[in-house]
mmCIF file of all heavy atoms, coordinates in Angstrom:
data_MODEL
# 
_entry.id   MODEL 
# 
loop_
_atom_site.group_PDB 
_atom_site.id 
_atom_site.type_symbol 
_atom_site.label_atom_id 
_atom_site.label_alt_id 
_atom_site.label_comp_id 
_atom_site.label_asym_id 
_atom_site.label_entity_id 
_atom_site.label_seq_id 
_atom_site.pdbx_PDB_ins_code 
_atom_site.Cartn_x 
_atom_site.Cartn_y 
_atom_site.Cartn_z 
_atom_site.occupancy 
_atom_site.B_iso_or_equiv 
_atom_site.pdbx_formal_charge 
_atom_site.auth_seq_id 
_atom_site.auth_comp_id 
_atom_site.auth_asym_id 
_atom_site.auth_atom_id 
_atom_site.pdbx_PDB_model_num 
ATOM 1   N N   . MET A 1 1  ? 90.784  88.680  109.315 1.00 0.00 ? 1  MET A N   1 
ATOM 2   C CA  . MET A 1 1  ? 90.302  89.579  108.264 1.00 0.00 ? 1  MET A CA  1 
ATOM 3   C C   . MET A 1 1  ? 90.652  89.072  106.874 1.00 0.00 ? 1  MET A C   1 
ATOM 4   O O   . MET A 1 1  ? 90.040  89.464  105.888 1.00 0.00 ? 1  MET A O   1 
ATOM 5   C CB  . MET A 1 1  ? 90.905  90.983  108.449 1.00 0.00 ? 1  MET A CB  1 
ATOM 6   C CG  . MET A 1 1  ? 90.580  91.657  109.764 1.00 0.00 ? 1  MET A CG  1 
ATOM 7   S SD  . MET A 1 1  ? 88.833  92.074  109.891 1.00 0.00 ? 1  MET A SD  1 
ATOM 8   C CE  . MET A 1 1  ? 88.702  93.299  108.581 1.00 0.00 ? 1  MET A CE  1 
ATOM 9   N N   . PHE A 1 2  ? 91.644  88.194  106.786 1.00 0.00 ? 2  PHE A N   1 
ATOM 10  C CA  . PHE A 1 2  ? 92.141  87.782  105.476 1.00 0.00 ? 2  PHE A CA  1 
ATOM 11  C C   . PHE A 1 2  ? 91.095  87.020  104.677 1.00 0.00 ? 2  PHE A C   1 
ATOM 12  O O   . PHE A 1 2  ? 90.944  87.242  103.477 1.00 0.00 ? 2  PHE A O   1 
ATOM 13  C CB  . PHE A 1 2  ? 93.396  86.920  105.643 1.00 0.00 ? 2  PHE A CB  1 
ATOM 14  C CG  . PHE A 1 2  ? 94.002  86.485  104.335 1.00 0.00 ? 2  PHE A CG  1 
ATOM 15  C CD1 . PHE A 1 2  ? 94.699  87.391  103.552 1.00 0.00 ? 2  PHE A CD1 1 
ATOM 16  C CD2 . PHE A 1 2  ? 93.867  85.186  103.887 1.00 0.00 ? 2  PHE A CD2 1 
ATOM 17  C CE1 . PHE A 1 2  ? 95.255  87.005  102.345 1.00 0.00 ? 2  PHE A CE1 1 
ATOM 18  C CE2 . PHE A 1 2  ? 94.420  84.781  102.685 1.00 0.00 ? 2  PHE A CE2 1 
ATOM 19  C CZ  . PHE A 1 2  ? 95.118  85.699  101.913 1.00 0.00 ? 2  PHE A CZ  1 
ATOM 20  N N   . SER A 1 3  ? 90.380  86.113  105.323 1.00 0.00 ? 3  SER A N   1 
ATOM 21  C CA  . SER A 1 3  ? 89.376  85.308  104.617 1.00 0.00 ? 3  SER A CA  1 
ATOM 22  C C   . SER A 1 3  ? 88.263  86.174  104.043 1.00 0.00 ? 3  SER A C   1 
ATOM 23  O O   . SER A 1 3  ? 87.691  85.862  102.998 1.00 0.00 ? 3  SER A O   1 
ATOM 24  C CB  . SER A 1 3  ? 88.789  84.249  105.546 1.00 0.00 ? 3  SER A CB  1 
ATOM 25  O OG  . SER A 1 3  ? 88.188  84.861  106.677 1.00 0.00 ? 3  SER A OG  1 
ATOM 26  N N   . LEU A 1 4  ? 87.961  87.285  104.720 1.00 0.00 ? 4  LEU A N   1 
ATOM 27  C CA  . LEU A 1 4  ? 86.931  88.204  104.211 1.00 0.00 ? 4  LEU A CA  1 
ATOM 28  C C   . LEU A 1 4  ? 87.452  88.968  102.999 1.00 0.00 ? 4  LEU A C   1 
ATOM 29  O O   . LEU A 1 4  ? 86.752  89.141  102.004 1.00 0.00 ? 4  LEU A O   1 
ATOM 30  C CB  . LEU A 1 4  ? 86.514  89.183  105.311 1.00 0.00 ? 4  LEU A CB  1 
ATOM 31  C CG  . LEU A 1 4  ? 85.858  88.577  106.556 1.00 0.00 ? 4  LEU A CG  1 
ATOM 32  C CD1 . LEU A 1 4  ? 85.607  89.668  107.599 1.00 0.00 ? 4  LEU A CD1 1 
ATOM 33  C CD2 . LEU A 1 4  ? 84.549  87.889  106.185 1.00 0.00 ? 4  LEU A CD2 1 
ATOM 34  N N   . ALA A 1 5  ? 88.713  89.410  103.085 1.00 0.00 ? 5  ALA A N   1 
ATOM 35  C CA  . ALA A 1 5  ? 89.289  90.220  102.009 1.00 0.00 ? 5  ALA A CA  1 
ATOM 36  C C   . ALA A 1 5  ? 89.474  89.419  100.732 1.00 0.00 ? 5  ALA A C   1 
ATOM 37  O O   . ALA A 1 5  ? 89.228  89.908  99.627  1.00 0.00 ? 5  ALA A O   1 
ATOM 38  C CB  . ALA A 1 5  ? 90.615  90.819  102.464 1.00 0.00 ? 5  ALA A CB  1 
ATOM 39  N N   . ILE A 1 6  ? 89.918  88.166  100.875 1.00 0.00 ? 6  ILE A N   1 
ATOM 40  C CA  . ILE A 1 6  ? 90.264  87.384  99.684  1.00 0.00 ? 6  ILE A CA  1 
ATOM 41  C C   . ILE A 1 6  ? 89.021  86.982  98.892  1.00 0.00 ? 6  ILE A C   1 
ATOM 42  O O   . ILE A 1 6  ? 89.114  86.590  97.725  1.00 0.00 ? 6  ILE A O   1 
ATOM 43  C CB  . ILE A 1 6  ? 91.079  86.136  100.089 1.00 0.00 ? 6  ILE A CB  1 
ATOM 44  C CG1 . ILE A 1 6  ? 91.873  85.612  98.897  1.00 0.00 ? 6  ILE A CG1 1 
ATOM 45  C CG2 . ILE A 1 6  ? 90.170  85.044  100.652 1.00 0.00 ? 6  ILE A CG2 1 
ATOM 46  C CD1 . ILE A 1 6  ? 92.892  84.570  99.244  1.00 0.00 ? 6  ILE A CD1 1 
ATOM 47  N N   . ASN A 1 7  ? 87.848  87.072  99.488  1.00 0.00 ? 7  ASN A N   1 
ATOM 48  C CA  . ASN A 1 7  ? 86.607  86.746  98.789  1.00 0.00 ? 7  ASN A CA  1 
ATOM 49  C C   . ASN A 1 7  ? 85.943  87.972  98.158  1.00 0.00 ? 7  ASN A C   1 
ATOM 50  O O   . ASN A 1 7  ? 84.854  87.861  97.593  1.00 0.00 ? 7  ASN A O   1 
ATOM 51  C CB  . ASN A 1 7  ? 85.616  86.076  99.760  1.00 0.00 ? 7  ASN A CB  1 
ATOM 52  C CG  . ASN A 1 7  ? 86.074  84.692  100.169 1.00 0.00 ? 7  ASN A CG  1 
ATOM 53  O OD1 . ASN A 1 7  ? 86.514  83.908  99.335  1.00 0.00 ? 7  ASN A OD1 1 
ATOM 54  N ND2 . ASN A 1 7  ? 85.982  84.387  101.450 1.00 0.00 ? 7  ASN A ND2 1 
ATOM 55  N N   . ASP A 1 8  ? 86.595  89.107  98.263  1.00 0.00 ? 8  ASP A N   1 
ATOM 56  C CA  . ASP A 1 8  ? 86.063  90.351  97.714  1.00 0.00 ? 8  ASP A CA  1 
ATOM 57  C C   . ASP A 1 8  ? 86.763  90.641  96.380  1.00 0.00 ? 8  ASP A C   1 
ATOM 58  O O   . ASP A 1 8  ? 87.961  90.907  96.338  1.00 0.00 ? 8  ASP A O   1 
ATOM 59  C CB  . ASP A 1 8  ? 86.310  91.494  98.707  1.00 0.00 ? 8  ASP A CB  1 
ATOM 60  C CG  . ASP A 1 8  ? 85.723  92.812  98.228  1.00 0.00 ? 8  ASP A CG  1 
ATOM 61  O OD1 . ASP A 1 8  ? 84.983  92.803  97.221  1.00 0.00 ? 8  ASP A OD1 1 
ATOM 62  O OD2 . ASP A 1 8  ? 86.017  93.846  98.855  1.00 0.00 ? 8  ASP A OD2 1 
ATOM 63  N N   . ASN A 1 9  ? 86.006  90.592  95.277  1.00 0.00 ? 9  ASN A N   1 
ATOM 64  C CA  . ASN A 1 9  ? 86.596  90.795  93.946  1.00 0.00 ? 9  ASN A CA  1 
ATOM 65  C C   . ASN A 1 9  ? 87.226  92.173  93.796  1.00 0.00 ? 9  ASN A C   1 
ATOM 66  O O   . ASN A 1 9  ? 88.254  92.332  93.134  1.00 0.00 ? 9  ASN A O   1 
ATOM 67  C CB  . ASN A 1 9  ? 85.526  90.602  92.865  1.00 0.00 ? 9  ASN A CB  1 
ATOM 68  C CG  . ASN A 1 9  ? 85.099  89.156  92.745  1.00 0.00 ? 9  ASN A CG  1 
ATOM 69  O OD1 . ASN A 1 9  ? 85.865  88.244  93.057  1.00 0.00 ? 9  ASN A OD1 1 
ATOM 70  N ND2 . ASN A 1 9  ? 83.877  88.929  92.305  1.00 0.00 ? 9  ASN A ND2 1 
ATOM 71  N N   . GLN A 1 10 ? 86.611  93.179  94.394  1.00 0.00 ? 10 GLN A N   1 
ATOM 72  C CA  . GLN A 1 10 ? 87.142  94.537  94.292  1.00 0.00 ? 10 GLN A CA  1 
ATOM 73  C C   . GLN A 1 10 ? 88.504  94.636  94.988  1.00 0.00 ? 10 GLN A C   1 
ATOM 74  O O   . GLN A 1 10 ? 89.423  95.308  94.508  1.00 0.00 ? 10 GLN A O   1 
ATOM 75  C CB  . GLN A 1 10 ? 86.156  95.534  94.904  1.00 0.00 ? 10 GLN A CB  1 
ATOM 76  C CG  . GLN A 1 10 ? 86.405  96.972  94.494  1.00 0.00 ? 10 GLN A CG  1 
ATOM 77  C CD  . GLN A 1 10 ? 85.279  97.891  94.917  1.00 0.00 ? 10 GLN A CD  1 
ATOM 78  O OE1 . GLN A 1 10 ? 84.622  97.656  95.923  1.00 0.00 ? 10 GLN A OE1 1 
ATOM 79  N NE2 . GLN A 1 10 ? 85.044  98.943  94.152  1.00 0.00 ? 10 GLN A NE2 1 
ATOM 80  N N   . THR A 1 11 ? 88.636  93.949  96.104  1.00 0.00 ? 11 THR A N   1 
ATOM 81  C CA  . THR A 1 11 ? 89.898  93.934  96.828  1.00 0.00 ? 11 THR A CA  1 
ATOM 82  C C   . THR A 1 11 ? 90.982  93.245  96.011  1.00 0.00 ? 11 THR A C   1 
ATOM 83  O O   . THR A 1 11 ? 92.127  93.711  95.952  1.00 0.00 ? 11 THR A O   1 
ATOM 84  C CB  . THR A 1 11 ? 89.737  93.210  98.179  1.00 0.00 ? 11 THR A CB  1 
ATOM 85  O OG1 . THR A 1 11 ? 88.776  93.910  98.975  1.00 0.00 ? 11 THR A OG1 1 
ATOM 86  C CG2 . THR A 1 11 ? 91.053  93.152  98.927  1.00 0.00 ? 11 THR A CG2 1 
ATOM 87  N N   . ILE A 1 12 ? 90.620  92.152  95.365  1.00 0.00 ? 12 ILE A N   1 
ATOM 88  C CA  . ILE A 1 12 ? 91.582  91.428  94.520  1.00 0.00 ? 12 ILE A CA  1 
ATOM 89  C C   . ILE A 1 12 ? 92.047  92.305  93.358  1.00 0.00 ? 12 ILE A C   1 
ATOM 90  O O   . ILE A 1 12 ? 93.235  92.336  93.017  1.00 0.00 ? 12 ILE A O   1 
ATOM 91  C CB  . ILE A 1 12 ? 90.963  90.127  93.985  1.00 0.00 ? 12 ILE A CB  1 
ATOM 92  C CG1 . ILE A 1 12 ? 90.604  89.175  95.137  1.00 0.00 ? 12 ILE A CG1 1 
ATOM 93  C CG2 . ILE A 1 12 ? 91.905  89.440  93.010  1.00 0.00 ? 12 ILE A CG2 1 
ATOM 94  C CD1 . ILE A 1 12 ? 91.787  88.728  95.950  1.00 0.00 ? 12 ILE A CD1 1 
ATOM 95  N N   . ARG A 1 13 ? 91.112  93.041  92.750  1.00 0.00 ? 13 ARG A N   1 
ATOM 96  C CA  . ARG A 1 13 ? 91.489  93.942  91.648  1.00 0.00 ? 13 ARG A CA  1 
ATOM 97  C C   . ARG A 1 13 ? 92.441  95.020  92.141  1.00 0.00 ? 13 ARG A C   1 
ATOM 98  O O   . ARG A 1 13 ? 93.422  95.348  91.458  1.00 0.00 ? 13 ARG A O   1 
ATOM 99  C CB  . ARG A 1 13 ? 90.246  94.578  91.028  1.00 0.00 ? 13 ARG A CB  1 
ATOM 100 C CG  . ARG A 1 13 ? 89.447  93.649  90.133  1.00 0.00 ? 13 ARG A CG  1 
ATOM 101 C CD  . ARG A 1 13 ? 88.499  94.426  89.248  1.00 0.00 ? 13 ARG A CD  1 
ATOM 102 N NE  . ARG A 1 13 ? 87.512  95.162  90.027  1.00 0.00 ? 13 ARG A NE  1 
ATOM 103 C CZ  . ARG A 1 13 ? 86.333  94.675  90.399  1.00 0.00 ? 13 ARG A CZ  1 
ATOM 104 N NH1 . ARG A 1 13 ? 85.998  93.442  90.052  1.00 0.00 ? 13 ARG A NH1 1 
ATOM 105 N NH2 . ARG A 1 13 ? 85.499  95.403  91.105  1.00 0.00 ? 13 ARG A NH2 1 
ATOM 106 N N   . MET A 1 14 ? 92.171  95.586  93.312  1.00 0.00 ? 14 MET A N   1 
ATOM 107 C CA  . MET A 1 14 ? 93.052  96.600  93.874  1.00 0.00 ? 14 MET A CA  1 
ATOM 108 C C   . MET A 1 14 ? 94.441  96.033  94.141  1.00 0.00 ? 14 MET A C   1 
ATOM 109 O O   . MET A 1 14 ? 95.453  96.718  93.969  1.00 0.00 ? 14 MET A O   1 
ATOM 110 C CB  . MET A 1 14 ? 92.461  97.147  95.173  1.00 0.00 ? 14 MET A CB  1 
ATOM 111 C CG  . MET A 1 14 ? 91.381  98.195  94.985  1.00 0.00 ? 14 MET A CG  1 
ATOM 112 S SD  . MET A 1 14 ? 92.063  99.754  94.342  1.00 0.00 ? 14 MET A SD  1 
ATOM 113 C CE  . MET A 1 14 ? 93.076  100.267 95.720  1.00 0.00 ? 14 MET A CE  1 
ATOM 114 N N   . PHE A 1 15 ? 94.486  94.781  94.536  1.00 0.00 ? 15 PHE A N   1 
ATOM 115 C CA  . PHE A 1 15 ? 95.763  94.123  94.800  1.00 0.00 ? 15 PHE A CA  1 
ATOM 116 C C   . PHE A 1 15 ? 96.610  94.095  93.532  1.00 0.00 ? 15 PHE A C   1 
ATOM 117 O O   . PHE A 1 15 ? 97.804  94.436  93.556  1.00 0.00 ? 15 PHE A O   1 
ATOM 118 C CB  . PHE A 1 15 ? 95.516  92.705  95.314  1.00 0.00 ? 15 PHE A CB  1 
ATOM 119 C CG  . PHE A 1 15 ? 96.770  91.942  95.656  1.00 0.00 ? 15 PHE A CG  1 
ATOM 120 C CD1 . PHE A 1 15 ? 97.319  92.020  96.925  1.00 0.00 ? 15 PHE A CD1 1 
ATOM 121 C CD2 . PHE A 1 15 ? 97.409  91.151  94.706  1.00 0.00 ? 15 PHE A CD2 1 
ATOM 122 C CE1 . PHE A 1 15 ? 98.468  91.314  97.252  1.00 0.00 ? 15 PHE A CE1 1 
ATOM 123 C CE2 . PHE A 1 15 ? 98.562  90.449  95.021  1.00 0.00 ? 15 PHE A CE2 1 
ATOM 124 C CZ  . PHE A 1 15 ? 99.088  90.531  96.297  1.00 0.00 ? 15 PHE A CZ  1 
ATOM 125 N N   . PHE A 1 16 ? 96.008  93.712  92.418  1.00 0.00 ? 16 PHE A N   1 
ATOM 126 C CA  . PHE A 1 16 ? 96.755  93.626  91.167  1.00 0.00 ? 16 PHE A CA  1 
ATOM 127 C C   . PHE A 1 16 ? 97.086  95.010  90.607  1.00 0.00 ? 16 PHE A C   1 
ATOM 128 O O   . PHE A 1 16 ? 98.134  95.192  89.977  1.00 0.00 ? 16 PHE A O   1 
ATOM 129 C CB  . PHE A 1 16 ? 95.995  92.785  90.149  1.00 0.00 ? 16 PHE A CB  1 
ATOM 130 C CG  . PHE A 1 16 ? 96.051  91.310  90.427  1.00 0.00 ? 16 PHE A CG  1 
ATOM 131 C CD1 . PHE A 1 16 ? 94.961  90.638  90.941  1.00 0.00 ? 16 PHE A CD1 1 
ATOM 132 C CD2 . PHE A 1 16 ? 97.229  90.604  90.217  1.00 0.00 ? 16 PHE A CD2 1 
ATOM 133 C CE1 . PHE A 1 16 ? 95.028  89.276  91.214  1.00 0.00 ? 16 PHE A CE1 1 
ATOM 134 C CE2 . PHE A 1 16 ? 97.313  89.247  90.488  1.00 0.00 ? 16 PHE A CE2 1 
ATOM 135 C CZ  . PHE A 1 16 ? 96.208  88.579  90.991  1.00 0.00 ? 16 PHE A CZ  1 
ATOM 136 N N   . TYR A 1 17 ? 96.233  96.000  90.837  1.00 0.00 ? 17 TYR A N   1 
ATOM 137 C CA  . TYR A 1 17 ? 96.563  97.372  90.451  1.00 0.00 ? 17 TYR A CA  1 
ATOM 138 C C   . TYR A 1 17 ? 97.796  97.847  91.236  1.00 0.00 ? 17 TYR A C   1 
ATOM 139 O O   . TYR A 1 17 ? 98.682  98.505  90.682  1.00 0.00 ? 17 TYR A O   1 
ATOM 140 C CB  . TYR A 1 17 ? 95.394  98.314  90.718  1.00 0.00 ? 17 TYR A CB  1 
ATOM 141 C CG  . TYR A 1 17 ? 94.195  98.093  89.829  1.00 0.00 ? 17 TYR A CG  1 
ATOM 142 C CD1 . TYR A 1 17 ? 92.902  98.414  90.263  1.00 0.00 ? 17 TYR A CD1 1 
ATOM 143 C CD2 . TYR A 1 17 ? 94.332  97.562  88.547  1.00 0.00 ? 17 TYR A CD2 1 
ATOM 144 C CE1 . TYR A 1 17 ? 91.804  98.210  89.441  1.00 0.00 ? 17 TYR A CE1 1 
ATOM 145 C CE2 . TYR A 1 17 ? 93.240  97.357  87.729  1.00 0.00 ? 17 TYR A CE2 1 
ATOM 146 C CZ  . TYR A 1 17 ? 91.969  97.681  88.187  1.00 0.00 ? 17 TYR A CZ  1 
ATOM 147 O OH  . TYR A 1 17 ? 90.879  97.477  87.374  1.00 0.00 ? 17 TYR A OH  1 
ATOM 148 N N   . SER A 1 18 ? 97.824  97.522  92.526  1.00 0.00 ? 18 SER A N   1 
ATOM 149 C CA  . SER A 1 18 ? 98.969  97.891  93.357  1.00 0.00 ? 18 SER A CA  1 
ATOM 150 C C   . SER A 1 18 ? 100.237 97.212  92.858  1.00 0.00 ? 18 SER A C   1 
ATOM 151 O O   . SER A 1 18 ? 101.307 97.831  92.776  1.00 0.00 ? 18 SER A O   1 
ATOM 152 C CB  . SER A 1 18 ? 98.720  97.487  94.812  1.00 0.00 ? 18 SER A CB  1 
ATOM 153 O OG  . SER A 1 18 ? 97.604  98.150  95.338  1.00 0.00 ? 18 SER A OG  1 
ATOM 154 N N   . LEU A 1 19 ? 100.096 95.947  92.516  1.00 0.00 ? 19 LEU A N   1 
ATOM 155 C CA  . LEU A 1 19 ? 101.242 95.189  92.021  1.00 0.00 ? 19 LEU A CA  1 
ATOM 156 C C   . LEU A 1 19 ? 101.774 95.781  90.720  1.00 0.00 ? 19 LEU A C   1 
ATOM 157 O O   . LEU A 1 19 ? 102.985 95.916  90.523  1.00 0.00 ? 19 LEU A O   1 
ATOM 158 C CB  . LEU A 1 19 ? 100.832 93.734  91.808  1.00 0.00 ? 19 LEU A CB  1 
ATOM 159 C CG  . LEU A 1 19 ? 101.933 92.675  91.805  1.00 0.00 ? 19 LEU A CG  1 
ATOM 160 C CD1 . LEU A 1 19 ? 102.729 92.725  93.102  1.00 0.00 ? 19 LEU A CD1 1 
ATOM 161 C CD2 . LEU A 1 19 ? 101.330 91.295  91.600  1.00 0.00 ? 19 LEU A CD2 1 
ATOM 162 N N   . LEU A 1 20 ? 100.856 96.165  89.838  1.00 0.00 ? 20 LEU A N   1 
ATOM 163 C CA  . LEU A 1 20 ? 101.257 96.789  88.579  1.00 0.00 ? 20 LEU A CA  1 
ATOM 164 C C   . LEU A 1 20 ? 101.969 98.118  88.834  1.00 0.00 ? 20 LEU A C   1 
ATOM 165 O O   . LEU A 1 20 ? 102.991 98.422  88.196  1.00 0.00 ? 20 LEU A O   1 
ATOM 166 C CB  . LEU A 1 20 ? 100.031 97.007  87.689  1.00 0.00 ? 20 LEU A CB  1 
ATOM 167 C CG  . LEU A 1 20 ? 100.276 97.718  86.355  1.00 0.00 ? 20 LEU A CG  1 
ATOM 168 C CD1 . LEU A 1 20 ? 101.234 96.908  85.490  1.00 0.00 ? 20 LEU A CD1 1 
ATOM 169 C CD2 . LEU A 1 20 ? 98.954  97.956  85.619  1.00 0.00 ? 20 LEU A CD2 1 
ATOM 170 N N   . GLY A 1 21 ? 101.442 98.915  89.755  1.00 0.00 ? 21 GLY A N   1 
ATOM 171 C CA  . GLY A 1 21 ? 102.071 100.191 90.086  1.00 0.00 ? 21 GLY A CA  1 
ATOM 172 C C   . GLY A 1 21 ? 103.483 100.007 90.615  1.00 0.00 ? 21 GLY A C   1 
ATOM 173 O O   . GLY A 1 21 ? 104.408 100.742 90.234  1.00 0.00 ? 21 GLY A O   1 
ATOM 174 N N   . LEU A 1 22 ? 103.684 99.024  91.473  1.00 0.00 ? 22 LEU A N   1 
ATOM 175 C CA  . LEU A 1 22 ? 105.017 98.751  92.018  1.00 0.00 ? 22 LEU A CA  1 
ATOM 176 C C   . LEU A 1 22 ? 105.967 98.263  90.930  1.00 0.00 ? 22 LEU A C   1 
ATOM 177 O O   . LEU A 1 22 ? 107.139 98.640  90.900  1.00 0.00 ? 22 LEU A O   1 
ATOM 178 C CB  . LEU A 1 22 ? 104.915 97.710  93.135  1.00 0.00 ? 22 LEU A CB  1 
ATOM 179 C CG  . LEU A 1 22 ? 104.194 98.178  94.406  1.00 0.00 ? 22 LEU A CG  1 
ATOM 180 C CD1 . LEU A 1 22 ? 103.912 97.000  95.329  1.00 0.00 ? 22 LEU A CD1 1 
ATOM 181 C CD2 . LEU A 1 22 ? 105.019 99.238  95.135  1.00 0.00 ? 22 LEU A CD2 1 
ATOM 182 N N   . PHE A 1 23 ? 105.458 97.436  90.027  1.00 0.00 ? 23 PHE A N   1 
ATOM 183 C CA  . PHE A 1 23 ? 106.283 96.933  88.921  1.00 0.00 ? 23 PHE A CA  1 
ATOM 184 C C   . PHE A 1 23 ? 106.751 98.086  88.035  1.00 0.00 ? 23 PHE A C   1 
ATOM 185 O O   . PHE A 1 23 ? 107.921 98.149  87.649  1.00 0.00 ? 23 PHE A O   1 
ATOM 186 C CB  . PHE A 1 23 ? 105.485 95.929  88.098  1.00 0.00 ? 23 PHE A CB  1 
ATOM 187 C CG  . PHE A 1 23 ? 106.273 95.279  86.998  1.00 0.00 ? 23 PHE A CG  1 
ATOM 188 C CD1 . PHE A 1 23 ? 107.065 94.170  87.258  1.00 0.00 ? 23 PHE A CD1 1 
ATOM 189 C CD2 . PHE A 1 23 ? 106.235 95.773  85.702  1.00 0.00 ? 23 PHE A CD2 1 
ATOM 190 C CE1 . PHE A 1 23 ? 107.809 93.569  86.237  1.00 0.00 ? 23 PHE A CE1 1 
ATOM 191 C CE2 . PHE A 1 23 ? 106.969 95.184  84.682  1.00 0.00 ? 23 PHE A CE2 1 
ATOM 192 C CZ  . PHE A 1 23 ? 107.760 94.078  84.958  1.00 0.00 ? 23 PHE A CZ  1 
ATOM 193 N N   . LEU A 1 24 ? 105.843 99.002  87.718  1.00 0.00 ? 24 LEU A N   1 
ATOM 194 C CA  . LEU A 1 24 ? 106.194 100.144 86.866  1.00 0.00 ? 24 LEU A CA  1 
ATOM 195 C C   . LEU A 1 24 ? 107.140 101.097 87.582  1.00 0.00 ? 24 LEU A C   1 
ATOM 196 O O   . LEU A 1 24 ? 108.057 101.651 86.970  1.00 0.00 ? 24 LEU A O   1 
ATOM 197 C CB  . LEU A 1 24 ? 104.926 100.874 86.433  1.00 0.00 ? 24 LEU A CB  1 
ATOM 198 C CG  . LEU A 1 24 ? 103.974 100.080 85.521  1.00 0.00 ? 24 LEU A CG  1 
ATOM 199 C CD1 . LEU A 1 24 ? 102.702 100.869 85.248  1.00 0.00 ? 24 LEU A CD1 1 
ATOM 200 C CD2 . LEU A 1 24 ? 104.660 99.718  84.213  1.00 0.00 ? 24 LEU A CD2 1 
ATOM 201 N N   . SER A 1 25 ? 106.933 101.294 88.883  1.00 0.00 ? 25 SER A N   1 
ATOM 202 C CA  . SER A 1 25 ? 107.793 102.189 89.657  1.00 0.00 ? 25 SER A CA  1 
ATOM 203 C C   . SER A 1 25 ? 109.231 101.668 89.686  1.00 0.00 ? 25 SER A C   1 
ATOM 204 O O   . SER A 1 25 ? 110.181 102.412 89.432  1.00 0.00 ? 25 SER A O   1 
ATOM 205 C CB  . SER A 1 25 ? 107.252 102.318 91.085  1.00 0.00 ? 25 SER A CB  1 
ATOM 206 O OG  . SER A 1 25 ? 108.144 103.052 91.902  1.00 0.00 ? 25 SER A OG  1 
ATOM 207 N N   . HIS A 1 26 ? 109.394 100.400 89.984  1.00 0.00 ? 26 HIS A N   1 
ATOM 208 C CA  . HIS A 1 26 ? 110.744 99.814  90.002  1.00 0.00 ? 26 HIS A CA  1 
ATOM 209 C C   . HIS A 1 26 ? 111.339 99.776  88.595  1.00 0.00 ? 26 HIS A C   1 
ATOM 210 O O   . HIS A 1 26 ? 112.555 99.935  88.430  1.00 0.00 ? 26 HIS A O   1 
ATOM 211 C CB  . HIS A 1 26 ? 110.692 98.409  90.595  1.00 0.00 ? 26 HIS A CB  1 
ATOM 212 C CG  . HIS A 1 26 ? 110.531 98.388  92.087  1.00 0.00 ? 26 HIS A CG  1 
ATOM 213 N ND1 . HIS A 1 26 ? 111.539 98.735  92.957  1.00 0.00 ? 26 HIS A ND1 1 
ATOM 214 C CD2 . HIS A 1 26 ? 109.457 98.077  92.863  1.00 0.00 ? 26 HIS A CD2 1 
ATOM 215 C CE1 . HIS A 1 26 ? 111.110 98.632  94.197  1.00 0.00 ? 26 HIS A CE1 1 
ATOM 216 N NE2 . HIS A 1 26 ? 109.848 98.231  94.176  1.00 0.00 ? 26 HIS A NE2 1 
ATOM 217 N N   . GLY A 1 27 ? 110.492 99.574  87.597  1.00 0.00 ? 27 GLY A N   1 
ATOM 218 C CA  . GLY A 1 27 ? 110.970 99.580  86.226  1.00 0.00 ? 27 GLY A CA  1 
ATOM 219 C C   . GLY A 1 27 ? 111.487 100.935 85.804  1.00 0.00 ? 27 GLY A C   1 
ATOM 220 O O   . GLY A 1 27 ? 112.531 101.038 85.138  1.00 0.00 ? 27 GLY A O   1 
ATOM 221 N N   . TYR A 1 28 ? 110.766 101.989 86.201  1.00 0.00 ? 28 TYR A N   1 
ATOM 222 C CA  . TYR A 1 28 ? 111.224 103.345 85.865  1.00 0.00 ? 28 TYR A CA  1 
ATOM 223 C C   . TYR A 1 28 ? 112.547 103.652 86.558  1.00 0.00 ? 28 TYR A C   1 
ATOM 224 O O   . TYR A 1 28 ? 113.461 104.218 85.946  1.00 0.00 ? 28 TYR A O   1 
ATOM 225 C CB  . TYR A 1 28 ? 110.174 104.377 86.279  1.00 0.00 ? 28 TYR A CB  1 
ATOM 226 C CG  . TYR A 1 28 ? 110.621 105.794 85.987  1.00 0.00 ? 28 TYR A CG  1 
ATOM 227 C CD1 . TYR A 1 28 ? 110.413 106.356 84.732  1.00 0.00 ? 28 TYR A CD1 1 
ATOM 228 C CD2 . TYR A 1 28 ? 111.304 106.553 86.952  1.00 0.00 ? 28 TYR A CD2 1 
ATOM 229 C CE1 . TYR A 1 28 ? 110.861 107.649 84.450  1.00 0.00 ? 28 TYR A CE1 1 
ATOM 230 C CE2 . TYR A 1 28 ? 111.754 107.822 86.671  1.00 0.00 ? 28 TYR A CE2 1 
ATOM 231 C CZ  . TYR A 1 28 ? 111.526 108.369 85.418  1.00 0.00 ? 28 TYR A CZ  1 
ATOM 232 O OH  . TYR A 1 28 ? 111.977 109.632 85.136  1.00 0.00 ? 28 TYR A OH  1 
# 
């Protein structure tokens, strides 16, 4: 499933949104 997911731009954007959320959560 990974090769399909990594070629999806929307999935990549969600990945970075998740990363940002985790960064802010740990920062708080």
